Amino acid sequence: MKNFNQVTSTALELFSMASFAGHISTDEEYTQALALMEELIEEYDAYKPLIKVLEISIERWEDNADEFVEFNARIDNLNSGVATLKT
């Protein structure tokens, strides 16, 4: 049986150090999330679970942040094959 107390305390420690892993609130956190992602993908297999959590946070930010509204609108209006190539 797993020690869930250890799991929850480790998760709390992670999110206290890098709250952006679960939810990005600012441009600075977005920049930090991208920097962390860049580090993690160097050893993808070892960090895959954290990469998946961070990926969701980054994607949510990019889908909703004002700085991406114009870009997202242009991609939404493209043929799906062209949109894939442009991103």
N, C-alpha and C. Protein backbone atom coordinates (compact mmCIF):
# COMPACT_ATOMS: atom_id res chain seq x y z
N MET A 1 0.84 -1.18 0.00
CA MET A 1 0.00 0.00 0.00
C MET A 1 0.89 1.24 0.00
N LYS A 2 0.49 2.23 -0.74
CA LYS A 2 1.26 3.47 -0.85
C LYS A 2 1.05 4.35 0.37
N ASN A 3 2.04 5.14 0.65
CA ASN A 3 1.96 6.10 1.74
C ASN A 3 1.43 7.41 1.17
N PHE A 4 0.12 7.60 1.24
CA PHE A 4 -0.50 8.78 0.65
C PHE A 4 -0.10 10.06 1.37
N ASN A 5 0.26 9.97 2.63
CA ASN A 5 0.74 11.16 3.35
C ASN A 5 2.00 11.70 2.71
N GLN A 6 2.88 10.80 2.32
CA GLN A 6 4.11 11.22 1.65
C GLN A 6 3.81 11.81 0.28
N VAL A 7 2.88 11.21 -0.44
CA VAL A 7 2.50 11.71 -1.76
C VAL A 7 1.91 13.11 -1.64
N THR A 8 0.99 13.30 -0.71
CA THR A 8 0.35 14.61 -0.58
C THR A 8 1.33 15.67 -0.09
N SER A 9 2.22 15.32 0.82
CA SER A 9 3.18 16.32 1.30
C SER A 9 4.17 16.69 0.20
N THR A 10 4.57 15.73 -0.61
CA THR A 10 5.47 16.02 -1.73
C THR A 10 4.77 16.91 -2.76
N ALA A 11 3.50 16.62 -3.04
CA ALA A 11 2.73 17.44 -3.98
C ALA A 11 2.58 18.86 -3.46
N LEU A 12 2.28 19.00 -2.18
CA LEU A 12 2.16 20.34 -1.59
C LEU A 12 3.47 21.10 -1.67
N GLU A 13 4.56 20.41 -1.46
CA GLU A 13 5.87 21.05 -1.55
C GLU A 13 6.15 21.50 -2.99
N LEU A 14 5.84 20.65 -3.95
CA LEU A 14 6.03 21.01 -5.36
C LEU A 14 5.23 22.25 -5.71
N PHE A 15 3.93 22.24 -5.37
CA PHE A 15 3.08 23.35 -5.76
C PHE A 15 3.36 24.62 -4.97
N SER A 16 3.98 24.49 -3.80
CA SER A 16 4.38 25.70 -3.08
C SER A 16 5.62 26.31 -3.73
N MET A 17 6.46 25.48 -4.31
CA MET A 17 7.67 25.96 -4.99
C MET A 17 7.38 26.44 -6.40
N ALA A 18 6.42 25.80 -7.06
CA ALA A 18 6.11 26.10 -8.46
C ALA A 18 4.61 26.01 -8.67
N SER A 19 3.87 26.97 -8.11
CA SER A 19 2.41 26.93 -8.21
C SER A 19 1.93 26.95 -9.66
N PHE A 20 2.75 27.51 -10.55
CA PHE A 20 2.39 27.57 -11.97
C PHE A 20 2.27 26.20 -12.61
N ALA A 21 2.80 25.18 -11.97
CA ALA A 21 2.68 23.83 -12.54
C ALA A 21 1.21 23.42 -12.63
N GLY A 22 0.40 23.88 -11.70
CA GLY A 22 -1.01 23.54 -11.71
C GLY A 22 -1.89 24.60 -12.34
N HIS A 23 -1.46 25.86 -12.24
CA HIS A 23 -2.26 26.96 -12.78
C HIS A 23 -1.38 28.19 -12.98
N ILE A 24 -1.32 28.67 -14.19
CA ILE A 24 -0.55 29.86 -14.51
C ILE A 24 -1.46 31.08 -14.39
N SER A 25 -0.98 32.08 -13.63
CA SER A 25 -1.79 33.28 -13.39
C SER A 25 -1.20 34.55 -13.99
N THR A 26 0.09 34.53 -14.33
CA THR A 26 0.75 35.74 -14.81
C THR A 26 1.72 35.41 -15.95
N ASP A 27 2.13 36.45 -16.67
CA ASP A 27 3.14 36.26 -17.72
C ASP A 27 4.43 35.71 -17.14
N GLU A 28 4.80 36.16 -15.95
CA GLU A 28 6.03 35.68 -15.30
C GLU A 28 5.94 34.18 -15.02
N GLU A 29 4.80 33.74 -14.52
CA GLU A 29 4.62 32.31 -14.26
C GLU A 29 4.65 31.52 -15.56
N TYR A 30 4.09 32.09 -16.63
CA TYR A 30 4.13 31.44 -17.94
C TYR A 30 5.58 31.25 -18.39
N THR A 31 6.38 32.29 -18.22
CA THR A 31 7.80 32.22 -18.58
C THR A 31 8.51 31.15 -17.75
N GLN A 32 8.21 31.10 -16.46
CA GLN A 32 8.81 30.09 -15.59
C GLN A 32 8.37 28.68 -16.00
N ALA A 33 7.11 28.53 -16.35
CA ALA A 33 6.60 27.23 -16.77
C ALA A 33 7.31 26.76 -18.04
N LEU A 34 7.51 27.66 -18.99
CA LEU A 34 8.22 27.29 -20.22
C LEU A 34 9.66 26.91 -19.92
N ALA A 35 10.31 27.63 -19.02
CA ALA A 35 11.69 27.33 -18.66
C ALA A 35 11.78 25.95 -17.99
N LEU A 36 10.85 25.67 -17.09
CA LEU A 36 10.84 24.36 -16.44
C LEU A 36 10.59 23.26 -17.46
N MET A 37 9.65 23.49 -18.36
CA MET A 37 9.36 22.49 -19.39
C MET A 37 10.60 22.20 -20.22
N GLU A 38 11.33 23.24 -20.56
CA GLU A 38 12.55 23.06 -21.34
C GLU A 38 13.55 22.16 -20.60
N GLU A 39 13.64 22.34 -19.30
CA GLU A 39 14.53 21.50 -18.49
C GLU A 39 14.03 20.06 -18.44
N LEU A 40 12.74 19.89 -18.23
CA LEU A 40 12.18 18.55 -18.05
C LEU A 40 12.26 17.70 -19.30
N ILE A 41 12.08 18.30 -20.48
CA ILE A 41 12.04 17.49 -21.69
C ILE A 41 13.40 16.90 -22.05
N GLU A 42 14.45 17.41 -21.41
CA GLU A 42 15.78 16.82 -21.63
C GLU A 42 15.80 15.36 -21.17
N GLU A 43 14.99 15.03 -20.17
CA GLU A 43 14.88 13.66 -19.67
C GLU A 43 13.40 13.29 -19.61
N TYR A 44 12.80 13.27 -20.79
CA TYR A 44 11.35 13.12 -20.93
C TYR A 44 10.81 11.91 -20.16
N ASP A 45 11.40 10.76 -20.34
CA ASP A 45 10.88 9.55 -19.71
C ASP A 45 10.86 9.65 -18.18
N ALA A 46 11.87 10.25 -17.61
CA ALA A 46 11.95 10.37 -16.15
C ALA A 46 10.91 11.35 -15.61
N TYR A 47 10.59 12.38 -16.38
CA TYR A 47 9.72 13.45 -15.89
C TYR A 47 8.35 13.49 -16.56
N LYS A 48 8.00 12.45 -17.28
CA LYS A 48 6.76 12.44 -18.06
C LYS A 48 5.52 12.84 -17.25
N PRO A 49 5.29 12.34 -16.04
CA PRO A 49 4.09 12.75 -15.30
C PRO A 49 4.05 14.26 -15.01
N LEU A 50 5.18 14.82 -14.62
CA LEU A 50 5.23 16.26 -14.35
C LEU A 50 5.08 17.05 -15.65
N ILE A 51 5.66 16.56 -16.71
CA ILE A 51 5.51 17.21 -18.02
C ILE A 51 4.04 17.27 -18.41
N LYS A 52 3.30 16.20 -18.19
CA LYS A 52 1.88 16.17 -18.55
C LYS A 52 1.08 17.20 -17.74
N VAL A 53 1.37 17.33 -16.45
CA VAL A 53 0.68 18.32 -15.62
C VAL A 53 1.01 19.73 -16.10
N LEU A 54 2.29 19.98 -16.34
CA LEU A 54 2.75 21.29 -16.79
C LEU A 54 2.20 21.62 -18.18
N GLU A 55 2.12 20.62 -19.03
CA GLU A 55 1.57 20.80 -20.37
C GLU A 55 0.14 21.33 -20.32
N ILE A 56 -0.67 20.78 -19.44
CA ILE A 56 -2.07 21.22 -19.30
C ILE A 56 -2.12 22.67 -18.84
N SER A 57 -1.28 23.02 -17.89
CA SER A 57 -1.24 24.39 -17.37
C SER A 57 -0.83 25.38 -18.46
N ILE A 58 0.20 25.04 -19.22
CA ILE A 58 0.67 25.91 -20.31
C ILE A 58 -0.40 26.03 -21.40
N GLU A 59 -0.99 24.93 -21.76
CA GLU A 59 -2.02 24.95 -22.81
C GLU A 59 -3.21 25.81 -22.40
N ARG A 60 -3.64 25.67 -21.15
CA ARG A 60 -4.76 26.47 -20.64
C ARG A 60 -4.42 27.95 -20.73
N TRP A 61 -3.19 28.33 -20.34
CA TRP A 61 -2.77 29.73 -20.40
C TRP A 61 -2.78 30.22 -21.85
N GLU A 62 -2.20 29.43 -22.75
CA GLU A 62 -2.11 29.85 -24.15
C GLU A 62 -3.48 29.93 -24.81
N ASP A 63 -4.42 29.14 -24.35
CA ASP A 63 -5.79 29.19 -24.89
C ASP A 63 -6.57 30.40 -24.41
N ASN A 64 -6.19 30.98 -23.26
CA ASN A 64 -6.99 32.03 -22.64
C ASN A 64 -6.31 33.38 -22.44
N ALA A 65 -5.00 33.45 -22.52
CA ALA A 65 -4.29 34.70 -22.26
C ALA A 65 -4.52 35.70 -23.39
N ASP A 66 -4.66 36.96 -23.01
CA ASP A 66 -4.90 38.03 -23.99
C ASP A 66 -3.84 38.07 -25.09
N GLU A 67 -2.61 37.78 -24.73
CA GLU A 67 -1.52 37.87 -25.70
C GLU A 67 -1.63 36.83 -26.82
N PHE A 68 -2.46 35.80 -26.64
CA PHE A 68 -2.62 34.76 -27.65
C PHE A 68 -3.96 34.82 -28.38
N VAL A 69 -4.80 35.78 -28.05
CA VAL A 69 -6.14 35.84 -28.64
C VAL A 69 -6.07 35.95 -30.17
N GLU A 70 -5.29 36.87 -30.66
CA GLU A 70 -5.18 37.07 -32.12
C GLU A 70 -4.61 35.83 -32.80
N PHE A 71 -3.55 35.29 -32.23
CA PHE A 71 -2.92 34.09 -32.80
C PHE A 71 -3.92 32.93 -32.84
N ASN A 72 -4.60 32.69 -31.72
CA ASN A 72 -5.56 31.59 -31.65
C ASN A 72 -6.70 31.77 -32.64
N ALA A 73 -7.15 33.01 -32.82
CA ALA A 73 -8.23 33.28 -33.78
C ALA A 73 -7.77 32.96 -35.20
N ARG A 74 -6.54 33.35 -35.53
CA ARG A 74 -6.02 33.05 -36.87
C ARG A 74 -5.89 31.55 -37.09
N ILE A 75 -5.41 30.83 -36.09
CA ILE A 75 -5.26 29.38 -36.22
C ILE A 75 -6.62 28.71 -36.35
N ASP A 76 -7.60 29.18 -35.58
CA ASP A 76 -8.95 28.61 -35.65
C ASP A 76 -9.57 28.76 -37.02
N ASN A 77 -9.17 29.79 -37.77
CA ASN A 77 -9.75 30.04 -39.09
C ASN A 77 -9.00 29.36 -40.22
N LEU A 78 -7.92 28.66 -39.91
CA LEU A 78 -7.14 27.97 -40.93
C LEU A 78 -7.63 26.54 -41.12
N ASN A 79 -7.33 26.00 -42.27
CA ASN A 79 -7.50 24.57 -42.52
C ASN A 79 -6.69 23.83 -41.47
N SER A 80 -7.20 22.73 -40.92
CA SER A 80 -6.53 22.06 -39.82
C SER A 80 -5.11 21.61 -40.16
N GLY A 81 -4.86 21.19 -41.38
CA GLY A 81 -3.50 20.80 -41.79
C GLY A 81 -2.57 21.98 -41.81
N VAL A 82 -3.02 23.10 -42.33
CA VAL A 82 -2.22 24.33 -42.35
C VAL A 82 -1.97 24.82 -40.93
N ALA A 83 -2.99 24.78 -40.09
CA ALA A 83 -2.86 25.22 -38.69
C ALA A 83 -1.80 24.40 -37.98
N THR A 84 -1.79 23.11 -38.20
CA THR A 84 -0.80 22.24 -37.57
C THR A 84 0.60 22.63 -38.00
N LEU A 85 0.78 22.88 -39.28
CA LEU A 85 2.10 23.27 -39.78
C LEU A 85 2.54 24.62 -39.24
N LYS A 86 1.61 25.55 -39.09
CA LYS A 86 1.95 26.89 -38.60
C LYS A 86 2.30 26.89 -37.10
N THR A 87 1.71 25.99 -36.34
CA THR A 87 2.02 25.96 -34.91
C THR A 87 3.22 25.09 -34.67
